[in-house]
Amino acid sequence: MRIGNWETKGFAALAPMAGVADRAFRELCVSFGASYTVSEMVSSKGISMGDRKSKSLMRLSAAERPAGVQIFGSDAEIMAKSVETVLQSKPQFVDINMGCPAPKIAGNGGGAALMRNPAQAEKIIRAVVRACEDVPVTVKIRAGWDADHLNAVEMAKRAQAAGAAAVTVHGRTRAQMYAPPVLLDSIAAVKRAVQIPVIGNGDIVDGPSAKHMLEATGCDFLMVGRGALGRPWVFRQIEDYLKNGELSPEPSVETRMRVMCAHVRKICAYKGERVGIREARKHAAWYVKGIRGAAAWRRDLATLESVEQLEEIAAAILQENT
C-alpha cells in the first residue's frame, strides 16, 4: 500500500490508542512486525498553545518508524496551525482523528462528532493537507454516528476530495463504541467508492480474522488495535497466516512473561518508574489473560509498585504454569 510519498510493507499497522499505544508499546509492536505506528491522539489546541504533554506525545523514535502523528480538533484553522509543530517530529504522515467516541472528545466537536458534520470535516482535512505540503495526510473515521446515520462513504469521498492520501475505517458507529458487530459492509462500501487506499479496522485479533477482513471488504491494508493488547506478537501471526497460511500458536507462558517484563521495563525507562509502573499495570493484566490463575494474578498486578515486584510475579506465574 502506498500512502503519498512512502510505501508500507507487511499487512497491518498498530492503531493509535490513547493511554495505551505509547512509545514503548509502539516500539515493541514494530519489533514484532507492525508495518507502521501512529502516536496517541494529540489535541491541536494543546499543540497550538505549546502544551508540554502534547509535545511529548508527538515525539517519535527511530525504533517505531515508519510512524505518524495523530491530531484531533474541531477548528480547521487551529488544526492547520498545529501542523507546523507536528512536522518538527518528522512523521511519515499526519493522521486526523474523526472517529474517537470518547465523550470528552466528541462532546467538544472533535473525533467522531465530525461524522455528524461532513462539511466541517472536509474543511479541516483540506486545511491540514494544505499546511502539511509534501507530508501525506490520512483520516480515521467510523462507519457513522449511529445505525441510522451510516455515512462513512460520504466522509471518505470528502476526505479524498480534500486531498487525503488514505482513509482508515473503524467498522463501528460512535453509538456502538467498541461493541459488536463490526460493520464490514461499511468498509467494503468505502473501498468501492474511493480511489485512495482504504485501511480496515475492527476486531482483528489473529491471522484468520485478518484474512476475513481483507476478503469481506476488499480493503488495502489492516489496522490492529485492541487485538494487540498484551499480544504484540499478533503482527507476526498475521504475517505468517497471510503469507504462508500458517496458523501460529500463541507464545509459551515463558515467552509471554519475558515480553511482559521487557515491555514494562521500557515503559519505566521512558517515563520513570513511579509513573511508568502505574501505567504498566493494565498492560501486565492483558499479558496474563488466559493463563491459569489469571484472575488472582490480575489482582496482584493491579497494585504493582515496582519492576522487581513484577518480575517476582512473572516468576511465580511461570512456576505455576510449567
Protein backbone atom coordinates (compact mmCIF):
# COMPACT_ATOMS: atom_id res chain seq x y z
CA MET A 1 0.00 0.00 0.00
CA ARG A 2 1.29 3.42 -0.93
CA ILE A 3 0.45 6.46 1.20
CA GLY A 4 1.51 9.61 -0.54
CA ASN A 5 5.27 9.52 -0.99
CA TRP A 6 6.04 6.39 1.02
CA GLU A 7 5.15 2.73 0.76
CA THR A 8 4.14 0.40 3.56
CA LYS A 9 5.43 -3.14 3.98
CA GLY A 10 3.67 -6.07 5.57
CA PHE A 11 -0.03 -6.32 6.25
CA ALA A 12 -1.03 -4.47 9.42
CA ALA A 13 -0.32 -1.31 11.40
CA LEU A 14 -0.78 -0.56 15.08
CA ALA A 15 -3.82 1.63 15.73
CA PRO A 16 -3.47 4.83 17.75
CA MET A 17 -4.90 4.18 21.22
CA ALA A 18 -4.90 6.94 23.82
CA GLY A 19 -3.27 5.94 27.09
CA VAL A 20 -2.11 2.63 25.61
CA ALA A 21 -0.14 2.92 22.36
CA ASP A 22 2.69 4.98 23.81
CA ARG A 23 6.28 5.00 22.60
CA ALA A 24 7.20 1.82 24.48
CA PHE A 25 4.29 -0.17 23.05
CA ARG A 26 4.75 1.21 19.55
CA GLU A 27 8.42 0.21 19.52
CA LEU A 28 7.55 -3.25 20.80
CA CYS A 29 4.89 -3.80 18.13
CA VAL A 30 7.29 -2.72 15.36
CA SER A 31 9.79 -5.28 16.66
CA PHE A 32 7.08 -7.91 16.17
CA GLY A 33 6.28 -6.83 12.63
CA ALA A 34 3.83 -3.92 12.79
CA SER A 35 4.14 -2.13 9.44
CA TYR A 36 3.84 1.33 10.95
CA THR A 37 2.57 3.05 14.05
CA VAL A 38 0.55 6.13 14.94
CA SER A 39 1.00 8.30 18.02
CA GLU A 40 -1.62 8.64 20.69
CA MET A 41 -4.04 11.36 19.58
CA VAL A 42 -2.85 14.87 20.31
CA SER A 43 -5.03 17.93 20.78
CA SER A 44 -4.46 20.52 18.05
CA LYS A 45 -5.44 23.19 20.57
CA GLY A 46 -2.87 21.89 23.06
CA ILE A 47 -0.20 21.86 20.36
CA SER A 48 -1.00 25.42 19.32
CA MET A 49 -0.77 26.59 22.93
CA GLY A 50 2.64 24.98 23.41
CA ASP A 51 1.40 22.37 25.88
CA ARG A 52 4.28 20.26 27.19
CA LYS A 53 2.33 16.98 27.30
CA SER A 54 1.20 17.46 23.71
CA LYS A 55 4.80 17.85 22.61
CA SER A 56 5.84 14.70 24.44
CA LEU A 57 3.03 12.71 22.80
CA MET A 58 4.33 13.71 19.36
CA ARG A 59 7.88 12.51 19.99
CA LEU A 60 8.73 9.69 17.56
CA SER A 61 11.76 7.44 17.96
CA ALA A 62 13.70 5.68 15.22
CA ALA A 63 12.62 2.29 16.59
CA GLU A 64 8.92 2.91 16.00
CA ARG A 65 9.11 4.20 12.43
CA PRO A 66 7.53 4.45 9.95
CA ALA A 67 5.22 6.47 12.17
CA GLY A 68 2.60 9.17 12.01
CA VAL A 69 1.26 11.75 14.44
CA GLN A 70 -2.50 11.79 15.00
CA ILE A 71 -4.19 15.09 15.81
CA PHE A 72 -7.76 15.94 16.73
CA GLY A 73 -9.89 19.05 16.99
CA SER A 74 -12.93 20.76 15.53
CA ASP A 75 -11.49 24.05 14.26
CA ALA A 76 -9.87 23.97 10.81
CA GLU A 77 -7.65 26.98 11.47
CA ILE A 78 -6.30 25.62 14.75
CA MET A 79 -5.78 22.17 13.22
CA ALA A 80 -3.78 23.69 10.36
CA LYS A 81 -1.80 25.91 12.73
CA SER A 82 -0.79 22.88 14.81
CA VAL A 83 0.82 21.22 11.79
CA GLU A 84 3.94 23.40 11.93
CA THR A 85 4.76 21.95 15.35
CA VAL A 86 3.68 18.43 14.38
CA LEU A 87 6.09 18.37 11.45
CA GLN A 88 9.01 19.02 13.78
CA SER A 89 8.66 15.36 14.81
CA LYS A 90 9.31 14.40 11.16
CA PRO A 91 6.37 11.99 10.89
CA GLN A 92 5.91 9.91 7.73
CA PHE A 93 2.31 11.17 7.72
CA VAL A 94 -0.19 13.17 9.74
CA ASP A 95 -3.42 11.42 10.73
CA ILE A 96 -6.67 13.21 11.58
CA ASN A 97 -8.87 11.59 14.21
CA MET A 98 -12.53 11.68 13.18
CA GLY A 99 -13.52 8.51 14.98
CA CYS A 100 -12.81 8.82 18.71
CA PRO A 101 -16.09 8.12 20.57
CA ALA A 102 -14.98 9.40 23.99
CA PRO A 103 -17.44 11.98 25.38
CA LYS A 104 -14.70 14.46 26.27
CA ILE A 105 -13.53 14.45 22.64
CA ALA A 106 -16.78 14.03 20.70
CA GLY A 107 -18.59 16.25 23.18
CA ASN A 108 -16.39 19.15 22.11
CA GLY A 109 -16.97 18.63 18.41
CA GLY A 110 -13.84 16.59 17.68
CA GLY A 111 -13.30 12.90 16.97
CA ALA A 112 -16.45 11.03 15.98
CA ALA A 113 -18.58 14.17 16.32
CA LEU A 114 -17.24 15.19 12.91
CA MET A 115 -19.14 12.23 11.44
CA ARG A 116 -22.20 14.41 12.05
CA ASN A 117 -20.66 17.40 10.29
CA PRO A 118 -19.13 16.20 6.99
CA ALA A 119 -18.75 19.71 5.59
CA GLN A 120 -16.66 20.81 8.57
CA ALA A 121 -14.70 17.54 8.38
CA GLU A 122 -13.81 18.27 4.76
CA LYS A 123 -12.82 21.82 5.64
CA ILE A 124 -10.47 20.52 8.35
CA ILE A 125 -8.89 17.92 6.06
CA ARG A 126 -8.36 20.47 3.31
CA ALA A 127 -6.70 22.91 5.73
CA VAL A 128 -4.41 20.26 7.21
CA VAL A 129 -3.43 18.92 3.78
CA ARG A 130 -2.52 22.44 2.68
CA ALA A 131 -0.43 23.00 5.82
CA CYS A 132 1.34 19.63 5.52
CA GLU A 133 2.58 20.36 1.99
CA ASP A 134 4.55 17.22 0.97
CA VAL A 135 3.73 15.14 4.07
CA PRO A 136 0.75 12.82 3.41
CA VAL A 137 -2.43 13.24 5.43
CA THR A 138 -4.62 10.29 6.42
CA VAL A 139 -8.02 10.30 8.10
CA LYS A 140 -9.53 7.83 10.56
CA ILE A 141 -13.33 7.63 10.58
CA ARG A 142 -16.10 5.34 11.82
CA ALA A 143 -18.95 3.68 9.97
CA GLY A 144 -21.16 6.54 11.13
CA TRP A 145 -22.62 8.21 14.18
CA ASP A 146 -25.26 5.55 14.78
CA ALA A 147 -27.15 2.84 12.88
CA ASP A 148 -29.44 5.43 11.30
CA HIS A 149 -26.57 7.57 10.06
CA LEU A 150 -24.03 5.36 8.30
CA ASN A 151 -22.14 7.93 6.30
CA ALA A 152 -18.60 6.54 6.04
CA VAL A 153 -18.85 6.63 2.23
CA GLU A 154 -19.66 10.34 2.19
CA MET A 155 -16.89 11.07 4.68
CA ALA A 156 -14.35 9.07 2.67
CA LYS A 157 -15.32 10.79 -0.57
CA ARG A 158 -14.93 14.18 1.09
CA ALA A 159 -11.58 13.12 2.53
CA GLN A 160 -10.38 12.10 -0.92
CA ALA A 161 -11.65 15.33 -2.48
CA ALA A 162 -9.84 17.33 0.20
CA GLY A 163 -6.52 15.66 -0.57
CA ALA A 164 -6.26 12.84 1.97
CA ALA A 165 -3.80 10.12 0.94
CA ALA A 166 -5.64 7.27 2.69
CA VAL A 167 -8.61 6.64 4.96
CA THR A 168 -8.95 4.19 7.85
CA VAL A 169 -12.44 2.95 8.62
CA HIS A 170 -13.26 1.56 12.05
CA GLY A 171 -16.30 -0.53 11.21
CA ARG A 172 -18.41 0.57 14.15
CA THR A 173 -20.63 3.58 14.79
CA ARG A 174 -19.98 6.04 17.55
CA ALA A 175 -23.10 4.72 19.32
CA GLN A 176 -21.57 1.22 19.37
CA MET A 177 -18.35 2.45 20.96
CA TYR A 178 -16.48 -0.89 20.87
CA ALA A 179 -19.43 -3.30 20.97
CA PRO A 180 -20.04 -5.87 18.22
CA PRO A 181 -20.65 -6.29 15.40
CA VAL A 182 -18.05 -4.76 13.10
CA LEU A 183 -19.92 -3.38 10.10
CA LEU A 184 -17.81 -4.89 7.34
CA ASP A 185 -20.28 -3.74 4.68
CA SER A 186 -19.48 -0.12 5.55
CA ILE A 187 -15.77 -0.69 5.00
CA ALA A 188 -16.48 -2.52 1.73
CA ALA A 189 -18.71 0.34 0.55
CA VAL A 190 -15.93 2.85 1.22
CA LYS A 191 -13.45 0.72 -0.71
CA ARG A 192 -15.78 0.68 -3.72
CA ALA A 193 -16.37 4.43 -3.51
CA VAL A 194 -12.85 5.90 -3.42
CA GLN A 195 -9.54 5.50 -5.20
CA ILE A 196 -7.26 6.25 -2.26
CA PRO A 197 -6.14 3.32 -0.06
CA VAL A 198 -8.69 2.08 2.50
CA ILE A 199 -7.48 0.58 5.77
CA GLY A 200 -9.84 -1.76 7.62
CA ASN A 201 -10.05 -1.65 11.42
CA GLY A 202 -12.14 -3.59 13.93
CA ASP A 203 -11.80 -6.93 15.77
CA ILE A 204 -8.66 -8.11 14.00
CA VAL A 205 -7.07 -10.41 16.56
CA ASP A 206 -5.20 -13.06 14.56
CA GLY A 207 -4.44 -14.38 11.09
CA PRO A 208 -7.92 -15.73 10.27
CA SER A 209 -9.69 -12.52 11.37
CA ALA A 210 -7.20 -10.50 9.32
CA LYS A 211 -7.89 -12.61 6.25
CA HIS A 212 -11.64 -12.30 6.80
CA MET A 213 -11.39 -8.50 6.96
CA LEU A 214 -9.43 -8.39 3.71
CA GLU A 215 -11.74 -10.78 1.86
CA ALA A 216 -15.01 -9.36 3.17
CA THR A 217 -14.18 -5.74 2.49
CA GLY A 218 -11.54 -5.70 -0.24
CA CYS A 219 -9.61 -3.16 1.87
CA ASP A 220 -5.98 -2.45 1.05
CA PHE A 221 -4.47 -2.77 4.49
CA LEU A 222 -5.25 -3.59 8.10
CA MET A 223 -5.07 -1.75 11.41
CA VAL A 224 -4.95 -3.66 14.70
CA GLY A 225 -5.96 -2.01 17.96
CA ARG A 226 -7.23 -3.93 20.98
CA GLY A 227 -6.17 -7.23 19.39
CA ALA A 228 -2.57 -6.27 20.13
CA LEU A 229 -3.06 -5.53 23.84
CA GLY A 230 -0.91 -7.97 25.77
CA ARG A 231 -0.23 -9.64 22.40
CA PRO A 232 2.25 -7.55 20.38
CA TRP A 233 3.24 -10.72 18.51
CA VAL A 234 -0.15 -10.64 16.74
CA PHE A 235 1.50 -8.78 13.84
CA ARG A 236 3.87 -11.68 13.24
CA GLN A 237 0.96 -14.12 13.47
CA ILE A 238 -0.98 -12.14 10.86
CA GLU A 239 2.01 -12.07 8.53
CA ASP A 240 2.62 -15.82 8.88
CA TYR A 241 -1.01 -16.58 8.14
CA LEU A 242 -1.45 -14.24 5.18
CA LYS A 243 1.89 -15.13 3.62
CA ASN A 244 2.08 -18.84 4.26
CA GLY A 245 -1.32 -19.92 5.58
CA GLU A 246 0.35 -20.88 8.85
CA LEU A 247 -1.76 -20.60 11.99
CA SER A 248 0.85 -19.63 14.55
CA PRO A 249 0.36 -20.90 18.09
CA GLU A 250 0.22 -18.48 20.98
CA PRO A 251 3.64 -17.98 22.59
CA SER A 252 4.55 -20.03 25.63
CA VAL A 253 3.92 -18.65 29.09
CA GLU A 254 7.68 -18.21 29.44
CA THR A 255 7.80 -16.05 26.31
CA ARG A 256 4.77 -14.04 27.37
CA MET A 257 6.30 -13.28 30.75
CA ARG A 258 9.62 -12.34 29.16
CA VAL A 259 7.94 -9.93 26.73
CA MET A 260 5.75 -8.52 29.51
CA CYS A 261 8.74 -7.73 31.71
CA ALA A 262 10.70 -6.21 28.81
CA HIS A 263 7.67 -4.08 27.91
CA VAL A 264 7.25 -2.77 31.46
CA ARG A 265 10.95 -2.04 31.82
CA LYS A 266 10.75 0.00 28.61
CA ILE A 267 7.73 1.97 29.89
CA CYS A 268 9.58 2.76 33.11
CA ALA A 269 12.74 3.70 31.25
CA TYR A 270 10.82 6.31 29.27
CA LYS A 271 8.51 7.62 31.96
CA GLY A 272 10.29 6.91 35.20
CA GLU A 273 9.33 4.02 37.46
CA ARG A 274 6.86 5.96 39.62
CA VAL A 275 4.67 6.95 36.66
CA GLY A 276 5.59 4.05 34.41
CA ILE A 277 4.74 1.24 36.80
CA ARG A 278 1.24 2.59 37.34
CA GLU A 279 0.67 2.84 33.61
CA ALA A 280 2.13 -0.65 33.21
CA ARG A 281 -0.48 -2.29 35.44
CA LYS A 282 -3.08 -2.51 32.68
CA HIS A 283 -0.56 -3.89 30.20
CA ALA A 284 0.56 -6.54 32.66
CA ALA A 285 -3.07 -7.57 33.21
CA TRP A 286 -3.52 -8.02 29.46
CA TYR A 287 -0.42 -10.23 29.23
CA VAL A 288 -1.77 -12.75 31.76
CA LYS A 289 -5.17 -13.11 30.11
CA GLY A 290 -5.95 -16.79 29.54
CA ILE A 291 -3.15 -18.01 31.79
CA ARG A 292 -4.05 -20.40 34.61
CA GLY A 293 -4.94 -18.37 37.71
CA ALA A 294 -5.21 -15.14 35.70
CA ALA A 295 -7.92 -13.59 37.88
CA ALA A 296 -5.77 -13.82 41.02
CA TRP A 297 -2.68 -12.60 39.19
CA ARG A 298 -4.57 -9.60 37.86
CA ARG A 299 -5.47 -8.62 41.41
CA ASP A 300 -1.78 -8.66 42.33
CA LEU A 301 -0.83 -6.72 39.20
CA ALA A 302 -3.47 -4.06 39.91
CA THR A 303 -1.37 -2.83 42.84
CA LEU A 304 2.01 -3.24 41.21
CA GLU A 305 4.62 -0.88 42.70
CA SER A 306 7.96 -1.85 41.13
CA VAL A 307 9.64 -3.71 38.30
CA GLU A 308 11.14 -6.09 40.86
CA GLN A 309 7.64 -6.98 42.09
CA LEU A 310 6.53 -7.60 38.52
CA GLU A 311 9.46 -9.94 37.91
CA GLU A 312 8.60 -11.86 41.09
CA ILE A 313 5.00 -12.27 39.92
CA ALA A 314 6.18 -13.33 36.46
CA ALA A 315 8.41 -16.00 38.01
CA ALA A 316 5.52 -17.27 40.16
CA ILE A 317 3.20 -17.39 37.14
CA LEU A 318 5.79 -19.35 35.19
CA GLN A 319 6.29 -21.80 38.05
CA GLU A 320 2.55 -22.38 38.33
CA ASN A 321 2.16 -22.89 34.58
CA THR A 322 5.02 -25.31 33.90
